[in-house]
Amino acid sequence: MEDTQKLLEDIIKSIVQNSDEVKIEKVVDERGVLFRIWVNQKDMGLVIGKAGVTAGAIKHIVKLAGYKTKSAVSIKIEEPNKL
């Protein structure tokens, strides 16, 4: 699962302008793995994309990576002020 987190981190950091402010937290429960993502307020639009297309693509890639470990994987992009 560390490979999936590294993949997610690489994708997010390649999109944002403030890559040093990217934080990803892994939460594991009975339903699977949730990656919580925080980015700089100014980068939120870049990560979400127009009509959520970029965020949807990131979610799709992460879910596909989860298939390798037979884990249910999802992401949640958190509000920057909740860091």
N, C-alpha and C. Protein backbone atom coordinates (compact mmCIF):
# COMPACT_ATOMS: atom_id res chain seq x y z
N MET A 1 0.82 -1.20 0.00
CA MET A 1 0.00 0.00 0.00
C MET A 1 0.86 1.26 0.00
N GLU A 2 2.12 1.11 0.42
CA GLU A 2 3.02 2.26 0.38
C GLU A 2 3.28 2.71 -1.06
N ASP A 3 3.27 1.72 -1.99
CA ASP A 3 3.44 2.07 -3.40
C ASP A 3 2.30 2.95 -3.89
N THR A 4 1.09 2.64 -3.44
CA THR A 4 -0.07 3.43 -3.83
C THR A 4 0.02 4.84 -3.26
N GLN A 5 0.45 4.95 -2.02
CA GLN A 5 0.58 6.27 -1.41
C GLN A 5 1.67 7.08 -2.12
N LYS A 6 2.76 6.44 -2.48
CA LYS A 6 3.84 7.13 -3.20
C LYS A 6 3.35 7.57 -4.58
N LEU A 7 2.60 6.72 -5.27
CA LEU A 7 2.03 7.08 -6.57
C LEU A 7 1.12 8.29 -6.43
N LEU A 8 0.25 8.27 -5.44
CA LEU A 8 -0.67 9.39 -5.20
C LEU A 8 0.10 10.67 -4.90
N GLU A 9 1.10 10.57 -4.06
CA GLU A 9 1.92 11.74 -3.72
C GLU A 9 2.62 12.30 -4.95
N ASP A 10 3.17 11.43 -5.78
CA ASP A 10 3.85 11.88 -7.00
C ASP A 10 2.89 12.59 -7.94
N ILE A 11 1.69 12.04 -8.09
CA ILE A 11 0.69 12.66 -8.97
C ILE A 11 0.30 14.04 -8.46
N ILE A 12 -0.04 14.12 -7.18
CA ILE A 12 -0.48 15.40 -6.60
C ILE A 12 0.63 16.44 -6.69
N LYS A 13 1.85 16.05 -6.33
CA LYS A 13 2.96 17.00 -6.34
C LYS A 13 3.30 17.47 -7.74
N SER A 14 3.02 16.66 -8.75
CA SER A 14 3.31 17.09 -10.12
C SER A 14 2.25 18.07 -10.64
N ILE A 15 1.09 18.11 -9.99
CA ILE A 15 0.01 19.00 -10.42
C ILE A 15 0.09 20.37 -9.74
N VAL A 16 0.42 20.39 -8.46
CA VAL A 16 0.34 21.62 -7.67
C VAL A 16 1.58 22.50 -7.85
N GLN A 17 1.44 23.76 -7.46
CA GLN A 17 2.55 24.70 -7.50
C GLN A 17 3.32 24.71 -6.18
N ASN A 18 2.64 24.39 -5.09
CA ASN A 18 3.26 24.39 -3.75
C ASN A 18 3.42 22.95 -3.29
N SER A 19 4.31 22.21 -3.94
CA SER A 19 4.45 20.78 -3.66
C SER A 19 4.96 20.49 -2.25
N ASP A 20 5.65 21.43 -1.64
CA ASP A 20 6.15 21.22 -0.29
C ASP A 20 5.03 21.27 0.76
N GLU A 21 3.84 21.71 0.37
CA GLU A 21 2.72 21.79 1.31
C GLU A 21 1.72 20.64 1.14
N VAL A 22 2.06 19.67 0.33
CA VAL A 22 1.19 18.50 0.14
C VAL A 22 1.34 17.57 1.33
N LYS A 23 0.20 17.17 1.90
CA LYS A 23 0.21 16.21 3.00
C LYS A 23 -0.80 15.12 2.68
N ILE A 24 -0.39 13.87 2.83
CA ILE A 24 -1.27 12.74 2.59
C ILE A 24 -1.24 11.84 3.82
N GLU A 25 -2.42 11.51 4.30
CA GLU A 25 -2.56 10.66 5.48
C GLU A 25 -3.35 9.41 5.09
N LYS A 26 -2.84 8.25 5.49
CA LYS A 26 -3.50 6.99 5.18
C LYS A 26 -4.32 6.54 6.38
N VAL A 27 -5.61 6.25 6.14
CA VAL A 27 -6.50 5.77 7.19
C VAL A 27 -7.02 4.40 6.76
N VAL A 28 -6.78 3.39 7.59
CA VAL A 28 -7.22 2.03 7.28
C VAL A 28 -8.33 1.64 8.25
N ASP A 29 -9.43 1.12 7.68
CA ASP A 29 -10.51 0.61 8.51
C ASP A 29 -11.09 -0.64 7.86
N GLU A 30 -12.21 -1.12 8.37
CA GLU A 30 -12.79 -2.36 7.86
C GLU A 30 -13.29 -2.25 6.42
N ARG A 31 -13.53 -1.03 5.95
CA ARG A 31 -14.00 -0.82 4.58
C ARG A 31 -12.88 -0.73 3.56
N GLY A 32 -11.65 -0.52 4.01
CA GLY A 32 -10.51 -0.40 3.10
C GLY A 32 -9.57 0.70 3.52
N VAL A 33 -8.97 1.34 2.53
CA VAL A 33 -7.96 2.38 2.78
C VAL A 33 -8.47 3.70 2.22
N LEU A 34 -8.36 4.73 3.04
CA LEU A 34 -8.73 6.08 2.63
C LEU A 34 -7.48 6.94 2.71
N PHE A 35 -7.17 7.62 1.62
CA PHE A 35 -6.07 8.59 1.62
C PHE A 35 -6.67 9.98 1.72
N ARG A 36 -6.36 10.67 2.81
CA ARG A 36 -6.80 12.05 2.99
C ARG A 36 -5.69 12.97 2.48
N ILE A 37 -6.09 13.94 1.65
CA ILE A 37 -5.12 14.80 0.98
C ILE A 37 -5.36 16.26 1.36
N TRP A 38 -4.27 16.94 1.71
CA TRP A 38 -4.31 18.39 1.95
C TRP A 38 -3.32 19.05 1.02
N VAL A 39 -3.74 20.15 0.42
CA VAL A 39 -2.87 20.97 -0.42
C VAL A 39 -3.08 22.43 -0.06
N ASN A 40 -2.22 23.27 -0.55
CA ASN A 40 -2.35 24.71 -0.34
C ASN A 40 -3.68 25.19 -0.94
N GLN A 41 -4.31 26.16 -0.30
CA GLN A 41 -5.58 26.72 -0.76
C GLN A 41 -5.53 27.10 -2.25
N LYS A 42 -4.41 27.67 -2.67
CA LYS A 42 -4.27 28.12 -4.06
C LYS A 42 -4.21 26.96 -5.06
N ASP A 43 -3.89 25.77 -4.57
CA ASP A 43 -3.76 24.60 -5.45
C ASP A 43 -5.03 23.74 -5.51
N MET A 44 -6.03 24.08 -4.73
CA MET A 44 -7.26 23.27 -4.70
C MET A 44 -7.88 23.13 -6.09
N GLY A 45 -7.97 24.22 -6.82
CA GLY A 45 -8.57 24.19 -8.15
C GLY A 45 -7.80 23.29 -9.11
N LEU A 46 -6.47 23.27 -8.96
CA LEU A 46 -5.65 22.43 -9.83
C LEU A 46 -5.87 20.95 -9.54
N VAL A 47 -6.03 20.61 -8.27
CA VAL A 47 -6.22 19.21 -7.89
C VAL A 47 -7.63 18.72 -8.23
N ILE A 48 -8.61 19.57 -8.04
CA ILE A 48 -10.00 19.18 -8.32
C ILE A 48 -10.27 19.23 -9.81
N GLY A 49 -9.81 20.27 -10.49
CA GLY A 49 -10.01 20.39 -11.93
C GLY A 49 -11.40 20.87 -12.27
N LYS A 50 -11.61 21.18 -13.53
CA LYS A 50 -12.90 21.68 -13.99
C LYS A 50 -13.94 20.58 -13.86
N ALA A 51 -15.01 20.88 -13.13
CA ALA A 51 -16.11 19.93 -12.88
C ALA A 51 -15.62 18.65 -12.21
N GLY A 52 -14.49 18.71 -11.50
CA GLY A 52 -14.00 17.55 -10.77
C GLY A 52 -13.33 16.49 -11.62
N VAL A 53 -13.02 16.84 -12.86
CA VAL A 53 -12.44 15.85 -13.78
C VAL A 53 -11.07 15.36 -13.30
N THR A 54 -10.21 16.27 -12.86
CA THR A 54 -8.88 15.87 -12.41
C THR A 54 -8.96 15.00 -11.17
N ALA A 55 -9.78 15.40 -10.20
CA ALA A 55 -9.95 14.60 -8.99
C ALA A 55 -10.51 13.22 -9.32
N GLY A 56 -11.44 13.16 -10.25
CA GLY A 56 -12.01 11.88 -10.66
C GLY A 56 -10.96 10.97 -11.29
N ALA A 57 -10.09 11.55 -12.11
CA ALA A 57 -9.02 10.76 -12.74
C ALA A 57 -8.04 10.24 -11.69
N ILE A 58 -7.71 11.09 -10.71
CA ILE A 58 -6.80 10.66 -9.63
C ILE A 58 -7.43 9.52 -8.85
N LYS A 59 -8.72 9.64 -8.53
CA LYS A 59 -9.42 8.58 -7.80
C LYS A 59 -9.40 7.28 -8.59
N HIS A 60 -9.60 7.37 -9.89
CA HIS A 60 -9.61 6.17 -10.74
C HIS A 60 -8.25 5.48 -10.73
N ILE A 61 -7.18 6.24 -10.87
CA ILE A 61 -5.83 5.67 -10.86
C ILE A 61 -5.53 5.00 -9.53
N VAL A 62 -5.91 5.65 -8.43
CA VAL A 62 -5.64 5.09 -7.10
C VAL A 62 -6.44 3.80 -6.89
N LYS A 63 -7.68 3.77 -7.35
CA LYS A 63 -8.48 2.55 -7.24
C LYS A 63 -7.85 1.41 -8.03
N LEU A 64 -7.37 1.70 -9.23
CA LEU A 64 -6.70 0.68 -10.03
C LEU A 64 -5.45 0.16 -9.33
N ALA A 65 -4.69 1.04 -8.71
CA ALA A 65 -3.50 0.62 -7.96
C ALA A 65 -3.90 -0.26 -6.78
N GLY A 66 -5.05 -0.01 -6.18
CA GLY A 66 -5.54 -0.82 -5.08
C GLY A 66 -5.91 -2.24 -5.48
N TYR A 67 -6.27 -2.43 -6.74
CA TYR A 67 -6.61 -3.78 -7.21
C TYR A 67 -5.42 -4.73 -7.09
N LYS A 68 -4.23 -4.19 -7.21
CA LYS A 68 -3.02 -5.01 -7.11
C LYS A 68 -2.93 -5.69 -5.74
N THR A 69 -3.36 -4.99 -4.71
CA THR A 69 -3.32 -5.54 -3.35
C THR A 69 -4.70 -6.02 -2.88
N LYS A 70 -5.65 -6.02 -3.80
CA LYS A 70 -7.02 -6.45 -3.50
C LYS A 70 -7.62 -5.66 -2.34
N SER A 71 -7.37 -4.35 -2.36
CA SER A 71 -7.87 -3.45 -1.32
C SER A 71 -8.82 -2.43 -1.92
N ALA A 72 -9.84 -2.07 -1.16
CA ALA A 72 -10.71 -0.97 -1.56
C ALA A 72 -10.00 0.32 -1.17
N VAL A 73 -9.70 1.14 -2.16
CA VAL A 73 -8.94 2.36 -1.92
C VAL A 73 -9.73 3.56 -2.42
N SER A 74 -9.76 4.62 -1.63
CA SER A 74 -10.41 5.85 -2.05
C SER A 74 -9.61 7.04 -1.54
N ILE A 75 -9.94 8.22 -2.06
CA ILE A 75 -9.26 9.44 -1.63
C ILE A 75 -10.30 10.47 -1.21
N LYS A 76 -9.87 11.39 -0.37
CA LYS A 76 -10.69 12.52 0.04
C LYS A 76 -9.79 13.75 0.06
N ILE A 77 -10.18 14.76 -0.70
CA ILE A 77 -9.42 16.01 -0.72
C ILE A 77 -10.02 16.91 0.35
N GLU A 78 -9.23 17.18 1.37
CA GLU A 78 -9.71 17.93 2.53
C GLU A 78 -9.60 19.44 2.30
N GLU A 79 -10.41 20.17 2.99
CA GLU A 79 -10.33 21.64 2.96
C GLU A 79 -9.00 22.05 3.59
N PRO A 80 -8.30 23.02 3.00
CA PRO A 80 -6.98 23.42 3.51
C PRO A 80 -7.00 23.90 4.95
N ASN A 81 -8.06 24.54 5.39
CA ASN A 81 -8.09 25.07 6.76
C ASN A 81 -8.29 23.97 7.80
N LYS A 82 -8.50 22.72 7.39
CA LYS A 82 -8.68 21.61 8.33
C LYS A 82 -7.39 20.85 8.56
N LEU A 83 -6.27 21.41 8.17
CA LEU A 83 -4.98 20.76 8.30
C LEU A 83 -4.51 20.77 9.73
